[in-house]
Amino acid sequence: MDLSQPTATWIEQNKATPYFAAIICYFDELESALDFATK
């Protein structure tokens, strides 16, 4: 990660990587599970 770049720019450049996609998917699933649990 190039610290001279704003985080948003770094995310834009790296959002296609499998690792990043997996994190997004994980948090999406987690959010869905929490949503379900609190209803």
C-alpha atoms as a PDB file:
ATOM      1  CA  MET A   1       0.000   0.000   0.000  1.00  0.00           C
ATOM      2  CA  ASP A   2       1.379   3.339  -1.071  1.00  0.00           C
ATOM      3  CA  LEU A   3       0.845   5.662   1.879  1.00  0.00           C
ATOM      4  CA  SER A   4       1.274   8.711  -0.346  1.00  0.00           C
ATOM      5  CA  GLN A   5      -2.085   7.923  -1.912  1.00  0.00           C
ATOM      6  CA  PRO A   6      -5.463   8.612  -0.292  1.00  0.00           C
ATOM      7  CA  THR A   7      -7.095   5.447   1.005  1.00  0.00           C
ATOM      8  CA  ALA A   8     -10.091   5.823  -1.304  1.00  0.00           C
ATOM      9  CA  THR A   9      -7.794   5.856  -4.331  1.00  0.00           C
ATOM     10  CA  TRP A  10      -6.021   2.749  -3.095  1.00  0.00           C
ATOM     11  CA  ILE A  11      -9.357   0.996  -2.610  1.00  0.00           C
ATOM     12  CA  GLU A  12     -10.482   1.983  -6.112  1.00  0.00           C
ATOM     13  CA  GLN A  13      -7.296   0.547  -7.589  1.00  0.00           C
ATOM     14  CA  ASN A  14      -7.456  -2.682  -5.609  1.00  0.00           C
ATOM     15  CA  LYS A  15     -11.154  -3.522  -5.385  1.00  0.00           C
ATOM     16  CA  ALA A  16     -10.826  -6.076  -8.183  1.00  0.00           C
ATOM     17  CA  THR A  17      -8.370  -8.227  -6.253  1.00  0.00           C
ATOM     18  CA  PRO A  18      -9.785 -11.537  -4.948  1.00  0.00           C
ATOM     19  CA  TYR A  19      -8.632 -10.762  -1.408  1.00  0.00           C
ATOM     20  CA  PHE A  20     -10.434  -7.439  -1.318  1.00  0.00           C
ATOM     21  CA  ALA A  21     -13.529  -8.977  -2.897  1.00  0.00           C
ATOM     22  CA  ALA A  22     -13.512 -11.719  -0.262  1.00  0.00           C
ATOM     23  CA  ILE A  23     -13.395  -9.132   2.537  1.00  0.00           C
ATOM     24  CA  ILE A  24     -16.312  -7.225   1.025  1.00  0.00           C
ATOM     25  CA  CYS A  25     -18.269 -10.462   0.639  1.00  0.00           C
ATOM     26  CA  TYR A  26     -17.477 -11.475   4.222  1.00  0.00           C
ATOM     27  CA  PHE A  27     -18.677  -8.185   5.691  1.00  0.00           C
ATOM     28  CA  ASP A  28     -21.772  -8.276   3.491  1.00  0.00           C
ATOM     29  CA  GLU A  29     -22.616 -11.748   4.795  1.00  0.00           C
ATOM     30  CA  LEU A  30     -21.868 -10.646   8.360  1.00  0.00           C
ATOM     31  CA  GLU A  31     -24.165  -7.647   7.983  1.00  0.00           C
ATOM     32  CA  SER A  32     -26.924  -9.892   6.617  1.00  0.00           C
ATOM     33  CA  ALA A  33     -26.505 -12.305   9.519  1.00  0.00           C
ATOM     34  CA  LEU A  34     -26.639  -9.495  12.074  1.00  0.00           C
ATOM     35  CA  ASP A  35     -29.688  -8.075  10.325  1.00  0.00           C
ATOM     36  CA  PHE A  36     -31.406 -11.450  10.538  1.00  0.00           C
ATOM     37  CA  ALA A  37     -30.399 -11.980  14.179  1.00  0.00           C
ATOM     38  CA  THR A  38     -31.755  -8.627  15.324  1.00  0.00           C
ATOM     39  CA  LYS A  39     -35.177  -9.027  13.717  1.00  0.00           C
END
